[in-house]
Protein backbone atom coordinates (compact mmCIF):
# COMPACT_ATOMS: atom_id res chain seq x y z
CA MET A 1 9.72 -12.59 -28.19
CA THR A 2 6.24 -11.15 -28.79
CA PHE A 3 3.83 -10.36 -25.97
CA HIS A 4 0.29 -9.25 -26.72
CA LEU A 5 -1.47 -6.57 -24.70
CA PRO A 6 -3.93 -7.93 -22.12
CA ILE A 7 -6.43 -5.29 -23.25
CA ALA A 8 -6.48 -2.24 -25.50
CA PRO A 9 -5.98 0.63 -23.03
CA PRO A 10 -7.47 4.10 -23.50
CA SER A 11 -5.29 6.33 -25.62
CA VAL A 12 -5.20 9.00 -22.91
CA ALA A 13 -5.54 8.70 -19.13
CA HIS A 14 -7.26 11.63 -17.48
CA GLY A 15 -8.61 12.69 -14.13
CA PHE A 16 -12.18 13.11 -12.87
CA VAL A 17 -13.60 16.16 -11.11
CA GLY A 18 -17.19 15.90 -9.99
CA GLY A 19 -17.76 12.95 -12.29
CA LYS A 20 -16.55 14.83 -15.36
CA ARG A 21 -13.32 14.35 -17.26
CA SER A 22 -10.52 16.67 -16.15
CA LEU A 23 -8.73 18.62 -18.86
CA GLY A 24 -5.45 18.31 -16.99
CA GLY A 25 -3.72 21.48 -18.05
CA GLY A 26 -0.23 20.00 -17.86
CA ILE A 27 2.14 18.03 -20.04
CA GLU A 28 1.40 14.72 -21.73
CA MET A 29 3.38 11.77 -20.37
CA PRO A 30 3.89 8.24 -21.76
CA VAL A 31 2.52 5.05 -20.19
CA PHE A 32 4.51 1.90 -20.99
CA TYR A 33 3.70 -1.82 -21.03
CA PRO A 34 6.56 -3.32 -18.98
CA ALA A 35 6.47 -6.64 -20.84
CA THR A 36 7.44 -4.97 -24.12
CA GLY A 37 8.87 -1.61 -23.13
CA GLN A 38 6.52 0.03 -25.64
CA GLN A 39 4.36 3.06 -25.05
CA VAL A 40 0.71 2.01 -24.98
CA SER A 41 -1.06 5.09 -23.66
CA SER A 42 -0.40 8.57 -22.36
CA LEU A 43 -1.38 10.63 -19.37
CA VAL A 44 -2.36 14.28 -19.25
CA GLU A 45 -0.87 15.74 -16.09
CA ASP A 46 -3.13 17.73 -13.81
CA ASP A 47 -1.56 21.07 -13.02
CA ALA A 48 -2.17 23.18 -9.92
CA ALA A 49 -5.37 24.66 -11.36
CA SER A 50 -6.82 21.21 -12.07
CA VAL A 51 -5.87 20.00 -8.59
CA ASP A 52 -7.50 23.10 -7.10
CA ALA A 53 -10.70 22.31 -9.00
CA ALA A 54 -10.70 18.71 -7.74
CA VAL A 55 -10.13 19.70 -4.11
CA LYS A 56 -12.78 22.41 -4.26
CA MET A 57 -15.24 19.92 -5.72
CA ALA A 58 -14.50 17.50 -2.87
CA ARG A 59 -14.85 20.39 -0.39
CA GLN A 60 -18.22 21.38 -1.80
CA ALA A 61 -19.42 17.77 -1.79
CA PHE A 62 -18.41 17.45 1.87
CA ASP A 63 -19.77 20.79 3.08
CA THR A 64 -23.07 20.89 1.19
CA GLY A 65 -23.61 17.43 -0.33
CA PRO A 66 -25.44 14.48 1.19
CA TRP A 67 -22.51 12.10 1.74
CA SER A 68 -21.19 13.27 5.11
CA ARG A 69 -24.76 13.42 6.45
CA LEU A 70 -25.96 10.12 5.04
CA SER A 71 -27.23 7.53 7.51
CA VAL A 72 -24.98 4.59 8.22
CA ALA A 73 -27.49 2.22 6.65
CA LYS A 74 -27.48 4.17 3.38
CA ARG A 75 -23.69 4.48 3.38
CA VAL A 76 -23.42 0.71 3.91
CA ASP A 77 -25.64 0.18 0.89
CA VAL A 78 -23.43 2.41 -1.28
CA LEU A 79 -20.26 0.64 -0.14
CA ARG A 80 -21.83 -2.72 -0.99
CA ARG A 81 -22.66 -1.41 -4.45
CA CYS A 82 -19.05 -0.29 -4.86
CA GLN A 83 -17.95 -3.79 -3.87
CA GLN A 84 -20.24 -5.38 -6.45
CA THR A 85 -19.12 -2.94 -9.14
CA ILE A 86 -15.52 -4.09 -8.69
CA LEU A 87 -16.54 -7.74 -8.84
CA ASP A 88 -18.57 -7.13 -11.98
CA HIS A 89 -15.61 -5.46 -13.71
CA ALA A 90 -12.78 -7.47 -12.13
CA ASP A 91 -11.45 -8.89 -15.39
CA GLU A 92 -11.34 -5.51 -17.11
CA LEU A 93 -9.67 -3.86 -14.13
CA ALA A 94 -7.14 -6.68 -13.84
CA ARG A 95 -6.21 -6.39 -17.52
CA LEU A 96 -5.78 -2.62 -17.30
CA GLU A 97 -3.64 -3.10 -14.20
CA CYS A 98 -1.52 -5.67 -16.02
CA VAL A 99 -0.93 -3.26 -18.92
CA ALA A 100 0.59 -0.56 -16.72
CA THR A 101 2.31 -2.65 -14.03
CA GLY A 102 3.37 -5.92 -15.69
CA LEU A 103 1.97 -7.82 -12.71
CA LEU A 104 0.70 -11.33 -13.34
CA LEU A 105 -2.81 -11.25 -14.74
CA ARG A 106 -3.69 -14.41 -12.82
CA GLU A 107 -2.74 -12.81 -9.51
CA LEU A 108 -4.48 -9.56 -10.36
CA ARG A 109 -7.74 -11.38 -11.05
CA GLN A 110 -7.61 -13.79 -8.15
CA ARG A 111 -6.05 -11.65 -5.43
CA HIS A 112 -5.82 -7.93 -6.17
CA MET A 113 -9.35 -7.35 -7.48
CA ALA A 114 -10.87 -9.69 -4.90
CA ARG A 115 -9.02 -7.75 -2.21
CA ALA A 116 -10.20 -4.42 -3.62
CA ALA A 117 -13.82 -5.58 -3.53
CA HIS A 118 -13.34 -7.02 -0.05
CA ASN A 119 -12.03 -3.68 1.22
CA PHE A 120 -15.38 -2.05 0.47
CA GLY A 121 -17.29 -5.01 1.90
CA PHE A 122 -15.19 -4.98 5.05
CA PHE A 123 -15.78 -1.30 5.80
CA ALA A 124 -19.47 -1.66 5.05
CA GLU A 125 -19.56 -4.35 7.72
CA TYR A 126 -17.32 -2.36 10.08
CA ILE A 127 -19.42 0.81 10.15
CA SER A 128 -22.62 -1.22 10.49
CA GLN A 129 -21.28 -2.50 13.83
CA SER A 130 -19.75 0.76 15.11
CA SER A 131 -21.06 2.43 18.23
CA GLY A 132 -20.52 5.58 20.23
CA GLN A 133 -19.78 5.96 23.95
CA ARG A 134 -21.80 7.20 26.89
CA PHE A 135 -20.52 8.13 30.35
CA ASP A 136 -22.75 8.58 33.41
CA GLN A 137 -20.08 8.47 36.11
CA THR A 138 -20.36 12.19 36.92
CA GLU A 139 -23.48 12.70 39.02
CA GLY A 140 -26.19 14.67 37.28
CA TYR A 141 -24.58 14.60 33.83
CA MET A 142 -24.57 12.46 30.73
CA THR A 143 -21.59 12.64 28.36
CA THR A 144 -21.58 11.06 24.90
CA VAL A 145 -18.72 10.62 22.45
CA THR A 146 -19.50 10.36 18.77
CA ARG A 147 -17.34 10.45 15.63
CA ASP A 148 -17.72 12.88 12.74
CA PRO A 149 -16.04 12.66 9.33
CA VAL A 150 -12.99 14.92 9.07
CA GLY A 151 -13.41 16.37 5.58
CA VAL A 152 -11.42 16.15 2.35
CA ALA A 153 -8.91 13.31 2.18
CA ALA A 154 -5.95 13.34 -0.22
CA LEU A 155 -5.17 9.72 -1.12
CA ILE A 156 -1.88 8.97 -2.86
CA ALA A 157 -1.48 5.45 -4.24
CA PRO A 158 1.72 3.58 -5.23
CA TRP A 159 2.59 1.93 -8.54
CA ASN A 160 3.26 -1.61 -7.27
CA ALA A 161 -0.36 -2.63 -6.47
CA PRO A 162 -2.50 0.37 -7.43
CA VAL A 163 -6.07 -0.94 -7.18
CA ALA A 164 -5.55 -3.20 -4.16
CA LEU A 165 -3.82 -0.51 -2.09
CA ALA A 166 -5.79 2.52 -3.28
CA SER A 167 -9.09 0.77 -2.63
CA MET A 168 -8.17 0.40 1.05
CA LYS A 169 -7.80 4.16 1.27
CA ILE A 170 -10.90 4.96 -0.76
CA ALA A 171 -13.15 2.50 1.06
CA SER A 172 -12.08 3.57 4.54
CA ALA A 173 -12.21 7.30 3.83
CA LEU A 174 -15.68 7.03 2.29
CA ALA A 175 -16.99 4.67 4.94
CA PHE A 176 -16.63 7.31 7.63
CA GLY A 177 -18.23 10.06 5.52
CA ASN A 178 -15.25 11.87 4.02
CA THR A 179 -14.81 12.99 0.42
CA CYS A 180 -11.64 12.21 -1.55
CA VAL A 181 -9.14 13.27 -4.14
CA LEU A 182 -7.11 10.29 -5.35
CA LYS A 183 -3.73 10.57 -7.06
CA PRO A 184 -2.37 7.39 -8.66
CA SER A 185 1.26 7.00 -9.65
CA GLU A 186 1.94 8.57 -13.02
CA GLN A 187 3.34 5.19 -14.10
CA THR A 188 0.14 3.26 -13.45
CA PRO A 189 -2.99 5.40 -13.99
CA LEU A 190 -5.10 3.07 -16.13
CA ALA A 191 -6.97 0.73 -13.78
CA LEU A 192 -7.59 3.38 -11.12
CA MET A 193 -8.91 5.77 -13.74
CA ARG A 194 -11.41 3.14 -14.81
CA LEU A 195 -12.31 2.26 -11.22
CA VAL A 196 -13.06 5.89 -10.36
CA GLU A 197 -15.07 6.21 -13.57
CA LEU A 198 -17.16 3.16 -12.64
CA LEU A 199 -17.77 4.40 -9.10
CA GLN A 200 -19.13 7.73 -10.38
CA ASP A 201 -22.36 5.85 -11.11
CA VAL A 202 -22.58 4.72 -7.49
CA LEU A 203 -21.37 7.70 -5.46
CA PRO A 204 -22.84 11.21 -5.17
CA GLU A 205 -21.22 13.90 -7.32
CA GLY A 206 -17.86 15.13 -6.11
CA VAL A 207 -17.36 12.49 -3.42
CA LEU A 208 -14.53 10.71 -5.28
CA ASN A 209 -12.26 12.70 -7.60
CA LEU A 210 -9.03 11.76 -9.36
CA VAL A 211 -5.97 13.74 -10.47
CA ASN A 212 -3.01 12.44 -12.45
CA GLY A 213 0.62 13.44 -12.59
CA ARG A 214 4.03 13.50 -11.02
CA GLY A 215 4.55 13.90 -7.32
CA THR A 216 6.55 17.08 -7.81
CA VAL A 217 3.69 18.72 -9.72
CA THR A 218 0.29 17.16 -9.06
CA GLY A 219 1.21 15.59 -5.73
CA SER A 220 2.71 18.79 -4.34
CA ALA A 221 -0.30 20.85 -5.35
CA LEU A 222 -2.56 18.31 -3.66
CA VAL A 223 -0.79 17.92 -0.31
CA GLU A 224 -0.17 21.67 0.00
CA HIS A 225 -3.77 22.63 -0.75
CA PRO A 226 -5.36 24.50 2.19
CA ASP A 227 -8.69 22.65 1.79
CA VAL A 228 -7.15 19.20 2.28
CA ASP A 229 -7.91 17.91 5.80
CA LEU A 230 -6.17 14.49 5.73
CA ILE A 231 -3.40 12.81 3.74
CA SER A 232 -2.91 9.06 3.30
CA PHE A 233 0.21 8.04 1.36
CA THR A 234 1.77 4.74 0.40
CA GLY A 235 5.17 4.91 -1.26
CA GLY A 236 8.84 5.68 -0.71
CA THR A 237 10.26 6.96 2.55
CA GLU A 238 11.86 10.10 1.12
CA THR A 239 8.64 11.12 -0.61
CA GLY A 240 6.83 10.48 2.65
CA ARG A 241 9.15 12.90 4.43
CA SER A 242 8.43 15.60 1.84
CA ILE A 243 4.68 15.09 2.15
CA MET A 244 4.76 15.23 5.95
CA SER A 245 6.81 18.41 5.82
CA ALA A 246 4.23 20.06 3.57
CA ALA A 247 1.34 18.72 5.66
CA GLY A 248 2.93 19.98 8.84
CA ARG A 249 2.72 23.55 7.67
CA ASN A 250 -1.07 23.20 7.48
CA LEU A 251 -1.33 20.94 10.56
CA VAL A 252 -2.84 18.20 8.40
CA PRO A 253 -2.77 14.65 9.89
CA CYS A 254 -1.07 11.95 7.82
CA THR A 255 -0.80 8.20 7.63
CA MET A 256 2.26 6.88 5.85
CA GLU A 257 3.02 3.34 4.74
CA LEU A 258 6.60 3.63 3.56
CA GLY A 259 9.60 1.44 2.81
CA GLY A 260 10.73 -1.88 4.21
CA LYS A 261 13.70 -4.19 4.50
CA SER A 262 11.91 -6.96 6.29
CA ALA A 263 13.70 -9.85 7.95
CA ASN A 264 12.54 -13.38 7.15
CA ILE A 265 14.00 -15.47 10.00
CA ILE A 266 14.32 -19.20 9.37
CA THR A 267 15.41 -21.28 12.34
CA ALA A 268 16.63 -24.86 12.48
CA THR A 269 13.40 -25.73 14.32
CA ALA A 270 11.25 -24.66 11.35
CA ASP A 271 9.42 -26.95 8.95
CA PHE A 272 12.17 -26.62 6.33
CA GLU A 273 10.03 -27.15 3.23
CA ARG A 274 7.30 -24.81 4.40
CA ALA A 275 9.85 -22.15 5.31
CA LEU A 276 11.50 -22.52 1.91
CA ASP A 277 8.16 -22.08 0.17
CA GLY A 278 7.39 -19.07 2.34
CA ALA A 279 10.76 -17.46 1.66
CA LEU A 280 10.28 -17.79 -2.10
CA LEU A 281 6.78 -16.32 -1.90
CA GLY A 282 7.98 -13.58 0.43
CA ILE A 283 10.51 -12.19 -2.02
CA PHE A 284 9.32 -13.17 -5.51
CA SER A 285 5.54 -12.66 -5.39
CA ASN A 286 4.22 -9.44 -6.95
CA ASN A 287 7.36 -9.54 -9.13
CA GLY A 288 9.34 -8.78 -5.96
CA GLN A 289 7.93 -5.26 -5.84
CA GLN A 290 6.31 -4.95 -2.42
CA CYS A 291 7.28 -3.10 0.71
CA LEU A 292 6.43 -6.10 2.89
CA ALA A 293 8.76 -8.46 1.00
CA GLY A 294 10.92 -10.73 3.14
CA SER A 295 14.00 -9.38 1.41
CA ARG A 296 16.53 -10.15 4.18
CA ILE A 297 16.48 -13.90 4.69
CA LEU A 298 18.22 -14.75 7.97
CA VAL A 299 18.96 -18.47 8.20
CA GLU A 300 20.31 -20.39 11.20
CA ARG A 301 23.85 -21.46 10.39
CA SER A 302 23.26 -25.20 10.81
CA ILE A 303 20.84 -25.16 7.85
CA HIS A 304 22.29 -22.18 5.97
CA ALA A 305 24.21 -24.11 3.31
CA GLU A 306 21.32 -26.45 2.54
CA PHE A 307 18.87 -23.58 2.46
CA CYS A 308 20.99 -21.55 0.03
CA GLU A 309 21.37 -24.54 -2.26
CA ARG A 310 17.65 -25.33 -2.29
CA PHE A 311 16.61 -21.68 -2.55
CA VAL A 312 18.85 -21.11 -5.57
CA GLU A 313 17.63 -24.33 -7.18
CA ARG A 314 14.00 -23.29 -6.80
CA ALA A 315 14.60 -19.65 -7.80
CA ALA A 316 16.37 -20.68 -10.99
CA LYS A 317 13.32 -22.74 -11.97
CA LEU A 318 10.85 -19.88 -11.65
CA LYS A 319 9.02 -19.31 -14.91
CA VAL A 320 9.84 -15.78 -16.07
CA GLY A 321 7.74 -14.42 -18.92
CA ASP A 322 4.44 -13.17 -20.27
CA PRO A 323 2.40 -11.71 -17.38
CA THR A 324 -0.83 -12.85 -19.07
CA ALA A 325 0.21 -16.53 -19.24
CA ASP A 326 -1.13 -18.79 -16.49
CA GLU A 327 2.21 -20.63 -16.11
CA THR A 328 4.25 -17.45 -15.52
CA GLU A 329 5.57 -16.99 -11.97
CA LEU A 330 7.64 -13.82 -12.39
CA GLY A 331 6.77 -10.97 -14.73
CA PRO A 332 8.63 -7.81 -15.71
CA LEU A 333 9.61 -5.00 -13.40
CA ALA A 334 7.51 -1.87 -13.60
CA SER A 335 9.85 0.44 -15.52
CA LEU A 336 13.22 0.62 -17.24
CA PRO A 337 14.82 2.93 -14.65
CA HIS A 338 13.61 0.68 -11.85
CA MET A 339 14.96 -2.44 -13.55
CA ASN A 340 18.37 -0.80 -13.96
CA ARG A 341 18.36 0.26 -10.31
CA VAL A 342 17.61 -3.28 -9.13
CA LEU A 343 20.37 -4.72 -11.31
CA ASP A 344 22.86 -2.19 -9.92
CA PHE A 345 22.64 -3.94 -6.56
CA ALA A 346 24.21 -7.08 -8.06
CA ASN A 347 27.34 -5.09 -8.82
CA ILE A 348 27.21 -3.42 -5.41
CA THR A 349 27.16 -6.90 -3.82
CA LYS A 350 30.29 -7.95 -5.68
CA ASN A 351 32.09 -4.70 -4.87
CA GLU A 352 31.38 -5.19 -1.16
CA GLY A 353 32.68 -8.76 -1.17
CA GLY A 354 29.32 -10.53 -1.25
CA LYS A 355 28.51 -13.54 -3.41
CA LEU A 356 26.02 -13.62 -6.25
CA LEU A 357 24.23 -16.96 -5.95
CA THR A 358 21.89 -16.68 -8.93
CA GLY A 359 20.43 -14.12 -11.32
CA GLY A 360 21.58 -10.52 -11.27
CA SER A 361 21.13 -9.94 -15.01
CA ARG A 362 18.55 -8.82 -17.52
CA ARG A 363 16.68 -11.47 -19.51
CA GLU A 364 17.81 -10.45 -22.99
CA ASP A 365 15.78 -13.30 -24.50
CA MET A 366 12.62 -11.43 -23.47
CA GLY A 367 13.19 -8.60 -25.93
CA GLU A 368 12.78 -5.00 -24.79
CA GLY A 369 10.66 -5.86 -21.75
CA TYR A 370 11.89 -5.13 -18.22
CA PHE A 371 12.62 -8.73 -17.21
CA ILE A 372 15.40 -9.88 -14.92
CA SER A 373 16.31 -13.29 -13.58
CA PRO A 374 15.27 -13.98 -9.98
CA THR A 375 18.26 -12.97 -7.91
CA ALA A 376 19.80 -14.11 -4.62
CA VAL A 377 23.03 -13.02 -2.95
CA CYS A 378 24.97 -13.85 0.20
CA ALA A 379 26.03 -10.67 1.96
CA THR A 380 29.18 -10.45 4.05
CA SER A 381 27.31 -8.84 6.96
CA ASN A 382 24.07 -7.17 7.91
CA SER A 383 25.71 -3.79 7.32
CA ASP A 384 26.16 -4.43 3.58
CA THR A 385 24.21 -2.16 1.26
CA VAL A 386 22.04 -5.01 0.01
CA ALA A 387 21.09 -5.82 3.61
CA GLN A 388 20.16 -2.24 4.47
CA GLU A 389 18.72 -0.58 1.36
CA GLU A 390 15.25 -1.35 0.04
CA ILE A 391 15.80 -2.87 -3.42
CA PHE A 392 12.12 -3.45 -4.24
CA GLY A 393 12.59 -6.23 -6.72
CA PRO A 394 13.04 -10.01 -7.03
CA PHE A 395 16.33 -9.77 -5.15
CA ALA A 396 16.93 -11.79 -1.97
CA THR A 397 19.77 -11.14 0.47
CA ILE A 398 20.69 -14.19 2.59
CA LEU A 399 22.62 -14.02 5.87
CA PRO A 400 23.48 -16.67 8.52
CA PHE A 401 22.90 -16.34 12.27
CA ASP A 402 23.98 -18.44 15.26
CA SER A 403 21.42 -17.73 17.97
CA THR A 404 17.93 -16.43 18.52
CA GLN A 405 19.32 -13.30 20.14
CA GLU A 406 21.61 -12.63 17.18
CA ALA A 407 18.74 -13.10 14.71
CA VAL A 408 16.58 -10.59 16.57
CA ALA A 409 19.45 -8.11 16.80
CA MET A 410 20.15 -8.42 13.06
CA ALA A 411 16.48 -8.09 12.19
CA ASN A 412 16.21 -4.91 14.26
CA ASP A 413 19.45 -3.45 12.88
CA THR A 414 17.73 -1.42 10.17
CA LYS A 415 16.07 1.95 9.75
CA PHE A 416 12.90 0.13 8.66
CA GLY A 417 10.38 -1.88 10.67
CA LEU A 418 7.36 -2.75 8.56
CA VAL A 419 6.99 -6.53 8.88
CA ALA A 420 9.03 -9.55 9.96
CA TYR A 421 8.65 -13.27 9.41
CA VAL A 422 9.52 -16.04 11.89
CA TRP A 423 9.73 -19.71 10.95
CA SER A 424 9.97 -22.08 13.92
CA ASP A 425 7.94 -24.94 15.41
CA HIS A 426 9.51 -24.29 18.85
CA LEU A 427 7.11 -22.15 20.89
CA PRO A 428 9.69 -20.58 23.25
CA THR A 429 11.71 -19.46 20.22
CA VAL A 430 8.63 -17.99 18.61
CA MET A 431 7.69 -16.12 21.79
CA GLU A 432 11.20 -14.77 22.31
CA MET A 433 11.38 -13.49 18.74
CA THR A 434 7.92 -11.96 18.57
CA GLU A 435 8.56 -10.09 21.82
CA GLY A 436 11.95 -8.82 20.67
CA LEU A 437 11.32 -7.90 17.02
CA ARG A 438 10.63 -4.24 16.31
CA ALA A 439 8.20 -4.33 13.41
CA GLY A 440 4.58 -3.35 13.01
CA VAL A 441 3.42 -6.74 11.76
CA LEU A 442 4.86 -10.19 12.51
CA TRP A 443 3.98 -13.33 10.56
CA VAL A 444 4.80 -16.66 12.19
CA ASN A 445 5.06 -19.76 9.99
CA THR A 446 3.15 -18.06 7.19
CA PRO A 447 3.85 -15.66 4.36
CA MET A 448 1.76 -12.53 3.86
CA MET A 449 -1.68 -12.64 5.53
CA ARG A 450 -3.68 -9.45 6.09
CA GLU A 451 -6.28 -9.23 8.84
CA LEU A 452 -8.17 -6.01 8.11
CA ARG A 453 -9.46 -5.70 11.67
CA ALA A 454 -5.89 -5.41 12.95
CA PRO A 455 -3.61 -2.39 12.50
CA PHE A 456 -1.09 -2.47 9.64
CA GLY A 457 1.92 -0.16 9.56
CA GLY A 458 5.54 0.09 10.54
CA TYR A 459 8.17 1.28 12.97
CA GLY A 460 10.88 3.81 12.11
CA ASP A 461 11.27 4.75 8.45
CA SER A 462 8.52 2.30 7.48
CA GLY A 463 5.76 4.71 8.28
CA VAL A 464 3.57 6.79 10.53
CA GLY A 465 0.17 5.65 11.75
CA ARG A 466 -1.71 2.50 10.84
CA GLU A 467 -4.41 1.23 8.49
CA GLY A 468 -7.07 -1.29 9.50
CA GLY A 469 -10.54 -1.22 11.04
CA ALA A 470 -10.18 0.78 14.24
CA SER A 471 -7.02 2.53 13.00
CA CYS A 472 -8.84 3.90 9.97
CA GLU A 473 -11.80 4.92 12.12
CA ALA A 474 -9.46 6.90 14.37
CA PHE A 475 -7.77 8.59 11.41
CA TYR A 476 -10.78 9.40 9.24
CA THR A 477 -13.00 10.71 12.04
CA GLU A 478 -12.97 13.45 14.66
CA GLU A 479 -14.18 12.60 18.17
CA LYS A 480 -16.93 14.85 19.49
CA THR A 481 -17.73 14.98 23.21
CA VAL A 482 -21.17 16.28 24.25
CA THR A 483 -22.08 16.80 27.93
CA ILE A 484 -25.74 17.35 28.94
CA PRO A 485 -27.12 17.85 32.47
CA LYS A 486 -29.81 15.34 33.39
CA THR A 487 -31.62 17.97 35.47
CA ALA A 488 -31.37 21.77 35.56
CA PRO A 489 -28.18 22.36 37.56
CA VAL A 490 -27.80 25.18 40.10
CA LEU A 491 -25.41 27.69 38.52
CA ARG A 492 -23.15 30.12 40.31
CA LYS A 493 -24.22 33.73 39.85
CA LEU A 494 -21.54 36.06 38.60
CA GLY A 495 -21.36 39.84 38.30
CA GLY A 496 -23.43 40.61 41.36
CA LEU A 497 -26.68 39.27 39.96
CA ASP A 498 -29.39 38.23 42.48
């Protein structure tokens, strides 16, 4: 089967330091198109010297440039221009994203790029409404609390939704007056490289820089750099631990959005068809590669058999294929090693006594691309590997439960706690579950919906800190308290002075 590239990508992906192309200094690495398995571009890795240059440029831009001192009104105007730049180039960015990720071009255009633009628009609106504090409770004194930008932010983006997720970090860091060094995943540098290039025409020099490379090389040099003041990371839990360990040595604050094994709880009191639709979206959208996927589907026993039958029937009908075709519902996985890892869990299920309901194999008819059939298994218990480990693919694990209390206990029996889904039209059941579930975000009778004003993040191994309006303001700013006497106070005389 032949799949054509969505767009001709640049032959080499490179970083940006102060608006100029970075020479990298490291090895050259391949970039593959997941739909064909063919190399389509390459990346020049930024070594420690290149990272040092990028951080120092961001430091200089923060310390001596205009950005951190710009009025809110002017910063709002720049953020709005960033938003419009993304909208103007949405098709190009979506196509570049499709080349490196294999995500559906339709979804990238309609959702990911729209979300990226909205992130800048949201923070423009947010800072335009922000205010400080004033306290007059202490007689004779006025105390104000304002917020200053922190400094240089290291932003590390994942490979599963690069532009959508990186733009949240960029927009929020810039909105509060910080400067940035962005590191995309080495697998997916193309769209973010172009986005940063486009934004150079909008932002002052040195405010937004980009470095490319592996986490062990470029990422380590970035998070260990003494001039980095903040780190925001989205990615795997083990990598998050390594970053926090390095950051701790320099007392650098971090926010971490990490892994997930989210429970999707479907009760007998749910709207069955709506819950079925939501379960399919929750695990198979974004090619199954999202930390907030409802990958553990817990179904009340009285409807378990019917649900499994209908879920398998619908999953088997999903259109797997060309990510640029409008009719495609499931594209390729992001890389060959990742595809093989996901498929390994089908064998693990069988070895642990579970049942493979559908899928679990590579789509050989798709050529050398990284396509697999949508997969669903029945685990023997919540302690099975497929019920505990994050698979990060189009791979659903289905388990029955007998009571609300059991469902909550099963949902909480995990090291993760990013999101959870509840499907029920019975209000007492909904209230009991939402009070008992230990997850950072709960969605009731709906699949994924992001309210940017609210905090987003997880319990346990799913992360540290939160993103969202006030959460980002707290992270990307330092509070400054200033106390001024309203009249000249009478001071105590020390040292024997008259």
